[in-house]
Protein backbone atom coordinates (compact mmCIF):
# COMPACT_ATOMS: atom_id res chain seq x y z
CA MET A 1 -22.99 -14.50 -0.46
CA ARG A 2 -20.67 -16.02 -3.22
CA GLU A 3 -18.16 -13.35 -2.12
CA ILE A 4 -18.35 -14.35 1.58
CA ILE A 5 -18.03 -18.25 0.49
CA LYS A 6 -14.95 -17.13 -1.69
CA GLU A 7 -13.22 -15.39 1.14
CA ARG A 8 -13.88 -18.23 3.45
CA PHE A 9 -12.46 -20.60 0.81
CA VAL A 10 -9.25 -18.64 0.24
CA PHE A 11 -8.63 -18.27 3.89
CA SER A 12 -9.25 -21.94 4.74
CA LEU A 13 -6.85 -22.94 1.91
CA LYS A 14 -4.08 -20.45 3.05
CA TYR A 15 -4.48 -22.36 6.49
CA PHE A 16 -4.31 -25.84 5.03
CA ILE A 17 -1.19 -24.70 2.80
CA GLY A 18 0.53 -23.21 5.91
CA LEU A 19 -0.49 -26.51 7.97
CA ILE A 20 0.94 -28.72 5.27
CA LEU A 21 4.22 -26.73 5.19
CA LEU A 22 4.45 -26.86 8.95
CA GLY A 23 3.64 -30.64 9.11
CA TRP A 24 6.33 -31.30 6.20
CA ILE A 25 9.08 -29.56 7.86
CA LEU A 26 8.10 -31.11 11.19
CA TYR A 27 8.43 -34.31 9.48
CA LYS A 28 11.68 -33.61 7.76
CA VAL A 29 13.44 -32.79 11.23
CA ASP A 30 14.16 -34.70 14.38
CA ARG A 31 11.21 -33.73 16.52
CA GLN A 32 12.66 -35.15 19.57
CA LYS A 33 15.78 -32.93 19.40
CA MET A 34 13.44 -30.01 18.73
CA VAL A 35 11.73 -30.71 22.09
CA GLU A 36 14.92 -30.97 23.87
CA THR A 37 16.41 -27.89 22.42
CA LEU A 38 13.23 -26.06 23.99
CA LEU A 39 13.38 -27.96 27.37
CA ASN A 40 17.23 -27.27 27.61
CA LEU A 41 16.64 -23.53 27.33
CA GLN A 42 17.87 -21.79 30.53
CA ILE A 43 15.39 -19.69 32.44
CA GLU A 44 17.52 -16.75 32.41
CA THR A 45 17.43 -16.86 28.33
CA ILE A 46 13.50 -17.22 28.56
CA ILE A 47 13.19 -14.20 31.01
CA ILE A 48 15.35 -12.17 28.41
CA VAL A 49 13.24 -13.37 25.60
CA LEU A 50 10.02 -12.40 27.44
CA LEU A 51 11.38 -8.96 28.28
CA PHE A 52 12.09 -8.24 24.67
CA ALA A 53 8.70 -9.48 23.67
CA LEU A 54 7.29 -6.93 26.24
CA ILE A 55 9.41 -4.18 24.92
CA ASN A 56 8.38 -5.09 21.37
CA LEU A 57 4.62 -5.05 22.28
CA SER A 58 5.05 -1.76 24.19
CA LEU A 59 6.55 -0.21 21.00
CA GLN A 60 3.78 -1.56 18.61
CA PHE A 61 0.93 -0.16 21.20
CA ARG A 62 2.89 3.06 21.25
CA LEU A 63 2.69 3.24 17.36
CA TRP A 64 -0.66 2.09 17.28
CA LYS A 65 -1.82 4.83 19.86
CA TYR A 66 0.36 7.57 18.03
CA LEU A 67 -1.41 6.84 14.59
CA ILE A 68 -4.85 6.77 15.95
CA GLU A 69 -4.21 10.02 17.74
CA SER A 70 -2.73 11.66 14.55
CA HIS A 71 -5.63 10.57 12.44
CA SER A 72 -8.65 10.78 14.64
CA HIS A 73 -10.33 13.01 17.35
CA HIS A 74 -13.16 10.50 18.07
CA TYR A 75 -11.93 7.86 20.50
CA ARG A 76 -11.65 6.72 23.83
CA ILE A 77 -7.81 6.20 25.54
CA LYS A 78 -9.25 2.90 27.37
CA ASP A 79 -10.30 1.39 24.04
CA LEU A 80 -6.93 1.62 22.55
CA LEU A 81 -5.39 -1.38 24.32
CA PRO A 82 -8.17 -3.73 23.67
CA SER A 83 -8.35 -2.93 19.94
CA PHE A 84 -4.57 -3.36 19.90
CA PHE A 85 -4.71 -7.08 21.14
CA ALA A 86 -7.71 -7.75 19.10
CA GLY A 87 -5.73 -7.18 15.95
CA PHE A 88 -3.40 -10.07 16.81
CA ALA A 89 -6.53 -12.41 17.15
CA LEU A 90 -8.40 -11.05 14.22
CA ARG A 91 -5.67 -11.45 11.55
CA LEU A 92 -5.80 -15.28 12.40
CA MET A 93 -9.35 -15.60 12.71
CA ILE A 94 -11.08 -13.59 9.82
CA PRO A 95 -10.96 -14.43 6.38
CA GLY A 96 -10.96 -11.44 3.62
CA GLY A 97 -9.44 -8.05 3.38
CA HIS A 98 -11.06 -6.62 6.38
CA ALA A 99 -9.28 -9.11 8.91
CA GLU A 100 -7.17 -7.01 11.06
CA VAL A 101 -8.39 -3.93 10.41
CA THR A 102 -11.83 -4.98 12.04
CA LYS A 103 -9.93 -3.60 15.27
CA VAL A 104 -10.74 -0.28 14.66
CA PHE A 105 -14.35 -1.09 15.25
CA LEU A 106 -13.57 -1.55 19.09
CA LEU A 107 -12.76 2.39 19.01
CA GLN A 108 -15.74 4.85 19.42
CA GLY A 109 -16.74 7.48 16.97
CA ARG A 110 -15.80 8.09 13.16
CA LYS A 111 -13.99 5.13 11.56
CA ARG A 112 -12.54 6.74 8.51
CA GLY A 113 -9.52 8.40 10.13
CA LYS A 114 -8.83 5.03 12.18
CA VAL A 115 -9.11 2.98 8.89
CA ILE A 116 -6.42 5.08 7.40
CA ALA A 117 -4.25 4.86 10.29
CA PHE A 118 -4.38 1.24 10.00
CA GLY A 119 -3.38 1.36 6.44
CA VAL A 120 -0.66 3.57 6.91
CA GLU A 121 0.74 1.24 9.58
CA LYS A 122 0.21 -1.79 7.27
CA ILE A 123 1.91 -0.06 4.32
CA PHE A 124 4.61 1.29 6.27
CA GLN A 125 5.26 -2.42 7.93
CA THR A 126 5.12 -4.14 4.49
CA ALA A 127 7.46 -1.61 2.71
CA LEU A 128 10.10 -1.78 5.46
CA LYS A 129 9.90 -5.59 5.24
CA VAL A 130 10.48 -5.43 1.51
CA VAL A 131 13.35 -3.15 1.82
CA LEU A 132 15.14 -5.33 4.51
CA VAL A 133 14.54 -8.43 2.49
CA SER A 134 15.84 -7.00 -0.75
CA PHE A 135 19.03 -5.78 1.04
CA ALA A 136 19.42 -9.15 2.96
CA LEU A 137 18.96 -11.14 -0.18
CA SER A 138 21.80 -8.79 -1.80
CA ILE A 139 24.03 -9.77 1.06
CA VAL A 140 23.19 -13.49 0.89
CA PHE A 141 23.43 -13.60 -2.99
CA PRO A 142 25.52 -10.86 -3.90
CA ASP A 143 25.28 -11.79 -7.63
CA TYR A 144 21.81 -10.19 -7.71
CA ASN A 145 22.43 -6.60 -7.60
CA LEU A 146 19.04 -5.95 -8.96
CA LEU A 147 17.70 -6.48 -5.30
CA TRP A 148 19.85 -3.14 -4.24
CA ILE A 149 17.54 -1.32 -6.90
CA VAL A 150 14.38 -2.58 -5.96
CA GLY A 151 15.25 -1.45 -2.17
CA ALA A 152 16.32 1.86 -3.39
CA LEU A 153 12.96 2.32 -5.17
CA ILE A 154 10.89 1.44 -2.34
CA ILE A 155 12.84 3.64 -0.03
CA VAL A 156 12.37 6.27 -2.52
CA GLY A 157 8.53 5.45 -2.72
CA PHE A 158 8.46 5.58 1.07
CA PHE A 159 9.78 9.26 1.31
CA LEU A 160 7.34 10.23 -1.64
CA SER A 161 4.32 8.66 -0.05
CA PRO A 162 3.72 11.64 2.40
CA ILE A 163 3.28 13.91 -0.84
CA PHE A 164 0.75 11.42 -2.34
CA LEU A 165 -1.20 11.48 0.96
CA LYS A 166 -1.57 15.13 1.02
CA LYS A 167 -3.37 14.98 -2.23
CA GLU A 168 -6.62 16.82 -2.24
CA ARG A 169 -8.52 13.70 -3.42
CA PHE A 170 -7.06 11.54 -0.43
CA GLN A 171 -7.43 14.45 2.28
CA LYS A 172 -11.19 14.16 1.57
CA PHE A 173 -11.51 10.99 3.51
CA GLN A 174 -9.46 12.34 6.45
CA GLU A 175 -11.02 13.12 9.88
CA LYS A 176 -8.17 15.75 10.39
CA GLU A 177 -5.19 17.42 9.18
CA VAL A 178 -2.29 15.02 9.09
CA ALA A 179 1.44 15.73 9.19
CA TYR A 180 2.54 12.61 7.14
CA PRO A 181 6.42 13.26 7.37
CA LYS A 182 6.30 13.37 10.73
CA ILE A 183 3.96 9.96 10.89
CA PHE A 184 6.46 8.04 8.63
CA PHE A 185 9.60 9.30 10.63
CA THR A 186 8.01 8.28 13.76
CA SER A 187 6.72 4.93 12.36
CA LEU A 188 10.24 4.21 11.38
CA ILE A 189 11.89 5.04 14.77
CA HIS A 190 9.28 2.35 16.20
CA SER A 191 9.68 -0.27 13.49
CA LEU A 192 13.39 -0.41 13.60
CA PRO A 193 13.56 -1.20 17.46
CA ILE A 194 10.64 -3.70 16.91
CA PHE A 195 12.92 -5.67 14.23
CA ALA A 196 15.72 -5.18 16.86
CA CYS A 197 13.70 -6.77 19.54
CA ILE A 198 12.95 -9.97 17.40
CA THR A 199 16.51 -10.18 16.21
CA LEU A 200 17.77 -10.14 19.89
CA GLN A 201 15.14 -12.73 20.92
CA TYR A 202 16.53 -15.31 18.39
CA PHE A 203 20.19 -14.13 19.22
CA TYR A 204 19.99 -15.18 22.69
CA LEU A 205 17.93 -18.19 22.17
CA LEU A 206 20.41 -19.36 19.05
CA ASN A 207 23.46 -18.59 21.18
CA GLN A 208 22.62 -20.73 24.12
CA SER A 209 23.51 -23.83 22.00
CA PHE A 210 24.86 -22.41 18.71
CA ASP A 211 27.76 -19.77 17.88
CA VAL A 212 25.87 -17.26 15.51
CA THR A 213 26.72 -13.73 15.27
CA LEU A 214 24.40 -11.00 15.80
CA PHE A 215 24.68 -9.85 12.27
CA GLN A 216 23.99 -13.47 11.00
CA THR A 217 20.99 -13.53 13.35
CA GLY A 218 19.85 -10.29 11.88
CA ILE A 219 19.95 -11.48 8.34
CA VAL A 220 17.89 -14.63 9.21
CA THR A 221 15.37 -12.55 11.28
CA VAL A 222 14.77 -10.22 8.24
CA PHE A 223 13.53 -13.74 6.19
CA ILE A 224 11.61 -15.01 9.09
CA TRP A 225 10.01 -11.68 9.85
CA GLY A 226 9.30 -11.03 6.13
CA ALA A 227 7.41 -14.52 5.82
CA GLY A 228 4.14 -12.84 5.97
CA LEU A 229 5.02 -11.17 2.51
CA ILE A 230 4.60 -14.52 0.94
CA PRO A 231 0.91 -14.66 0.83
CA ILE A 232 0.29 -18.36 0.55
CA SER A 233 -0.47 -18.93 4.33
CA VAL A 234 -2.01 -17.12 7.30
CA SER A 235 0.61 -14.98 9.05
CA GLY A 236 3.33 -16.75 7.34
CA LEU A 237 2.46 -20.18 8.96
CA GLY A 238 4.77 -22.98 7.65
CA VAL A 239 6.67 -20.56 5.48
CA ARG A 240 8.42 -19.09 8.55
CA GLU A 241 9.57 -22.21 9.83
CA ASN A 242 10.75 -23.54 6.21
CA LEU A 243 12.72 -20.25 6.04
CA ALA A 244 14.29 -20.71 9.40
CA VAL A 245 15.54 -24.05 8.41
CA PHE A 246 16.81 -22.89 5.05
CA PHE A 247 18.78 -19.88 6.23
CA LEU A 248 19.90 -21.11 9.86
CA ALA A 249 21.41 -23.98 7.88
CA GLN A 250 23.92 -21.69 6.67
CA TYR A 251 25.23 -21.09 9.79
CA SER A 252 25.38 -24.86 11.01
CA VAL A 253 22.04 -24.66 12.97
CA PRO A 254 20.18 -28.11 12.58
CA GLY A 255 16.84 -28.02 11.45
CA ALA A 256 14.90 -29.20 14.67
CA ALA A 257 16.43 -26.14 16.56
CA ALA A 258 15.62 -23.73 13.91
CA VAL A 259 11.79 -24.90 13.77
CA GLY A 260 11.85 -24.84 17.54
CA ILE A 261 13.01 -21.67 18.19
CA SER A 262 10.98 -20.06 15.34
CA LEU A 263 7.81 -21.65 16.70
CA LEU A 264 8.71 -20.53 20.37
CA VAL A 265 9.36 -16.84 19.16
CA PHE A 266 5.84 -16.70 17.11
CA PHE A 267 4.22 -18.17 20.28
CA ILE A 268 5.66 -15.57 22.41
CA ASN A 269 5.28 -12.60 20.13
CA ALA A 270 1.87 -13.28 18.40
CA ILE A 271 0.05 -16.28 19.93
CA ILE A 272 -0.09 -14.94 23.47
CA PRO A 273 -1.29 -11.40 22.42
CA ALA A 274 -3.82 -13.15 20.15
CA ILE A 275 -5.14 -15.26 23.20
CA ILE A 276 -5.73 -11.89 25.21
CA GLY A 277 -7.32 -10.40 21.96
CA ILE A 278 -9.66 -13.35 21.89
CA PHE A 279 -10.86 -12.20 25.21
CA THR A 280 -11.59 -8.74 24.20
CA ILE A 281 -13.31 -9.84 20.96
CA MET A 282 -15.64 -12.02 23.00
CA LYS A 283 -16.31 -9.25 25.40
CA ARG A 284 -16.88 -6.64 22.60
CA ARG A 285 -18.06 -8.97 19.62
CA HIS A 286 -21.25 -6.66 19.17
CA ASP A 287 -19.10 -3.84 18.06
CA ILE A 288 -17.44 -5.71 15.19
CA LYS A 289 -20.61 -7.42 14.05
CA GLU A 290 -20.99 -5.40 11.11
CA ALA A 291 -17.36 -4.40 10.46
CA GLY A 292 -17.06 -6.64 7.19
CA GLY A 293 -20.15 -4.92 5.51
CA GLU A 294 -18.80 -1.56 6.68
CA ILE A 295 -15.17 -1.60 5.64
CA LYS A 296 -16.43 -2.84 2.02
CA ARG A 297 -18.95 0.03 1.61
CA MET A 298 -15.92 2.70 2.82
CA THR A 299 -13.67 0.84 0.22
CA LYS A 300 -16.22 1.06 -2.67
CA ASN A 301 -16.95 4.63 -1.77
CA VAL A 302 -13.17 5.49 -2.06
CA TYR A 303 -13.23 3.44 -5.42
CA GLN A 304 -16.26 5.20 -6.86
CA GLN A 305 -15.11 8.76 -5.62
CA GLY A 306 -11.59 8.05 -7.48
CA LYS A 307 -13.29 6.65 -10.62
CA LYS A 308 -15.68 9.74 -10.91
CA ARG A 309 -12.71 12.02 -10.54
CA PHE A 310 -10.59 9.97 -12.78
CA ASN A 311 -13.81 9.96 -15.66
CA GLY A 312 -14.29 13.49 -15.05
CA LYS A 313 -10.74 14.45 -15.80
CA LYS A 314 -10.77 12.35 -18.91
CA SER A 315 -13.81 13.99 -20.06
CA GLU A 316 -12.39 17.39 -19.52
CA GLU A 317 -9.24 16.30 -21.50
CA THR A 318 -11.52 15.01 -24.37
CA ARG A 319 -13.59 18.16 -24.51
CA LEU A 320 -10.33 20.42 -24.65
CA LYS A 321 -9.03 18.17 -27.32
CA ASN A 322 -12.30 18.36 -29.60
CA LYS A 323 -12.09 21.91 -29.05
CA ASN A 324 -8.72 22.40 -30.23
């Protein structure tokens, strides 16, 4: 009970911080001009942005489907799309570490492989965002060469990860044999176009009223897309808008337009899918009722297995040392 209260408190605090940050930036900018910027968008621009949103969602769904197929035999094809959309809603609704991973409970059958598939998806997305942010910071702030080193180390870690995931102690939690080099490559060729879609959304929205190159838009998009890496709010709420104002100001885009456009892109890419996901959750809420406890039990099992293996290895080393 204490842990549940703690999770809800932290989740509420993050929402509170995000709303404060969003309220602060809305207070600082000209809200009337922000609304005018959005109302003056041409219908052709909106259609293009929506098309890129559909491509983005299609790529994300293809990747989710591929990861589930690669990690599990036990699922129904018809459950993949509902679980995919539910993930958008769950990350905004549920406190605690199990949040979005709860979507795997909308899939029938064993859950181990599906949870690992979700973990691979999130680890890869986080690593890619850190790499892109590191390189973007090196371009914006060229004096900080250390950022190139950080990015390079993460890339090396990315290519070494499949080796770690093939270890026997990790394989025992799998449902089937998994080819991680292929999975990581497939994740990469899906994730880069996803980022490109978001960049092009910003590019078309910004260039209706301002002159911002595609490269400049890409740099700004890296920071906005990576807002979730700063764990002080839910889904980067408030952080994203403040970053948009700061970095777009470098290219003479006023704060009102920066906030309005970033909120519009977030609404299209995240809120609309989340609304669809809410209907899925309401329809299938009985499937996720016990998800939190089940995920915690699985996590505890992995931890205990690792601890047991580590202690056993340590005891063996001590025995050999005493023998010598």
